[in-house]
Amino acid sequence: MADCICPEGISDMYVFRDSVIVLIVISISLGTFILYDSIAQGRAASTDHIIAGAVLCSFALALLYFVSKTVVK
């Protein structure tokens, strides 16, 4: 797929699609771990950790949306 060169240059997400998929998996894993760890601590849960976990999960879902959107077209 990386050999496909369009008239205006290299195709948008196809070259970096594997890297983006790895980034999505890492972001979801890390965000879920941070959220779980924050909630499991109970009374000592820091708001910053909960926000960081939620932001990482949201970031991964947004990347997943844009990657799947380019594949469907």
C-alpha atoms as a PDB file:
ATOM      1  CA  MET A   1       0.000   0.000   0.000  1.00  0.00           C
ATOM      2  CA  ALA A   2       2.897   2.365   0.670  1.00  0.00           C
ATOM      3  CA  ASP A   3       3.974   2.050  -2.988  1.00  0.00           C
ATOM      4  CA  CYS A   4       0.827   3.874  -4.176  1.00  0.00           C
ATOM      5  CA  ILE A   5       1.830   7.364  -5.263  1.00  0.00           C
ATOM      6  CA  CYS A   6      -0.948   9.731  -6.279  1.00  0.00           C
ATOM      7  CA  PRO A   7      -0.490  12.635  -8.708  1.00  0.00           C
ATOM      8  CA  GLU A   8      -0.380  15.116  -5.828  1.00  0.00           C
ATOM      9  CA  GLY A   9       2.051  13.041  -3.774  1.00  0.00           C
ATOM     10  CA  ILE A  10       1.861  10.200  -1.325  1.00  0.00           C
ATOM     11  CA  SER A  11      -1.598   9.160  -0.198  1.00  0.00           C
ATOM     12  CA  ASP A  12      -2.716  10.797   3.073  1.00  0.00           C
ATOM     13  CA  MET A  13      -3.065   8.190   5.798  1.00  0.00           C
ATOM     14  CA  TYR A  14      -2.081   4.996   3.995  1.00  0.00           C
ATOM     15  CA  VAL A  15       1.649   5.373   4.599  1.00  0.00           C
ATOM     16  CA  PHE A  16       1.288   6.121   8.297  1.00  0.00           C
ATOM     17  CA  ARG A  17      -1.769   3.934   8.945  1.00  0.00           C
ATOM     18  CA  ASP A  18       0.183   1.225  10.780  1.00  0.00           C
ATOM     19  CA  SER A  19       1.874   3.807  13.003  1.00  0.00           C
ATOM     20  CA  VAL A  20      -1.464   5.429  13.762  1.00  0.00           C
ATOM     21  CA  ILE A  21      -3.009   2.064  14.665  1.00  0.00           C
ATOM     22  CA  VAL A  22      -0.140   1.403  17.095  1.00  0.00           C
ATOM     23  CA  LEU A  23      -0.600   4.899  18.550  1.00  0.00           C
ATOM     24  CA  ILE A  24      -4.335   4.223  18.989  1.00  0.00           C
ATOM     25  CA  VAL A  25      -3.712   0.938  20.808  1.00  0.00           C
ATOM     26  CA  ILE A  26      -1.098   2.519  23.084  1.00  0.00           C
ATOM     27  CA  SER A  27      -3.338   5.510  23.842  1.00  0.00           C
ATOM     28  CA  ILE A  28      -6.355   3.360  24.672  1.00  0.00           C
ATOM     29  CA  SER A  29      -4.263   1.033  26.833  1.00  0.00           C
ATOM     30  CA  LEU A  30      -2.547   3.844  28.696  1.00  0.00           C
ATOM     31  CA  GLY A  31      -5.736   5.867  29.114  1.00  0.00           C
ATOM     32  CA  THR A  32      -7.661   2.852  30.391  1.00  0.00           C
ATOM     33  CA  PHE A  33      -4.879   1.989  32.814  1.00  0.00           C
ATOM     34  CA  ILE A  34      -4.763   5.551  34.159  1.00  0.00           C
ATOM     35  CA  LEU A  35      -8.547   5.636  34.572  1.00  0.00           C
ATOM     36  CA  TYR A  36      -8.660   2.215  36.232  1.00  0.00           C
ATOM     37  CA  ASP A  37      -5.765   3.031  38.546  1.00  0.00           C
ATOM     38  CA  SER A  38      -7.334   6.343  39.561  1.00  0.00           C
ATOM     39  CA  ILE A  39     -10.719   4.786  40.283  1.00  0.00           C
ATOM     40  CA  ALA A  40      -9.239   1.740  42.052  1.00  0.00           C
ATOM     41  CA  GLN A  41      -7.398   3.971  44.532  1.00  0.00           C
ATOM     42  CA  GLY A  42     -10.755   5.232  45.752  1.00  0.00           C
ATOM     43  CA  ARG A  43     -10.389   8.134  48.145  1.00  0.00           C
ATOM     44  CA  ALA A  44      -6.895   9.016  46.929  1.00  0.00           C
ATOM     45  CA  ALA A  45      -7.957   9.390  43.300  1.00  0.00           C
ATOM     46  CA  SER A  46      -6.482  12.504  41.764  1.00  0.00           C
ATOM     47  CA  THR A  47      -8.658  14.543  39.425  1.00  0.00           C
ATOM     48  CA  ASP A  48      -5.635  15.117  37.186  1.00  0.00           C
ATOM     49  CA  HIS A  49      -5.214  11.384  36.577  1.00  0.00           C
ATOM     50  CA  ILE A  50      -8.880  10.919  35.736  1.00  0.00           C
ATOM     51  CA  ILE A  51      -8.768  13.824  33.288  1.00  0.00           C
ATOM     52  CA  ALA A  52      -5.531  12.531  31.710  1.00  0.00           C
ATOM     53  CA  GLY A  53      -7.013   9.072  31.234  1.00  0.00           C
ATOM     54  CA  ALA A  54     -10.192  10.479  29.714  1.00  0.00           C
ATOM     55  CA  VAL A  55      -8.222  12.734  27.359  1.00  0.00           C
ATOM     56  CA  LEU A  56      -6.038   9.832  26.185  1.00  0.00           C
ATOM     57  CA  CYS A  57      -9.066   7.639  25.517  1.00  0.00           C
ATOM     58  CA  SER A  58     -10.827  10.479  23.677  1.00  0.00           C
ATOM     59  CA  PHE A  59      -7.703  11.164  21.623  1.00  0.00           C
ATOM     60  CA  ALA A  60      -7.489   7.496  20.631  1.00  0.00           C
ATOM     61  CA  LEU A  61     -11.163   7.369  19.668  1.00  0.00           C
ATOM     62  CA  ALA A  62     -10.790  10.526  17.564  1.00  0.00           C
ATOM     63  CA  LEU A  63      -7.788   9.014  15.752  1.00  0.00           C
ATOM     64  CA  LEU A  64      -9.739   5.797  15.225  1.00  0.00           C
ATOM     65  CA  TYR A  65     -12.608   7.784  13.707  1.00  0.00           C
ATOM     66  CA  PHE A  66     -10.364   9.605  11.226  1.00  0.00           C
ATOM     67  CA  VAL A  67      -8.431   6.468  10.261  1.00  0.00           C
ATOM     68  CA  SER A  68     -11.605   4.450   9.690  1.00  0.00           C
ATOM     69  CA  LYS A  69     -13.147   7.369   7.782  1.00  0.00           C
ATOM     70  CA  THR A  70     -10.272   7.389   5.271  1.00  0.00           C
ATOM     71  CA  VAL A  71     -10.410   3.599   4.853  1.00  0.00           C
ATOM     72  CA  VAL A  72     -14.167   3.568   4.187  1.00  0.00           C
ATOM     73  CA  LYS A  73     -13.893   6.131   1.369  1.00  0.00           C
END
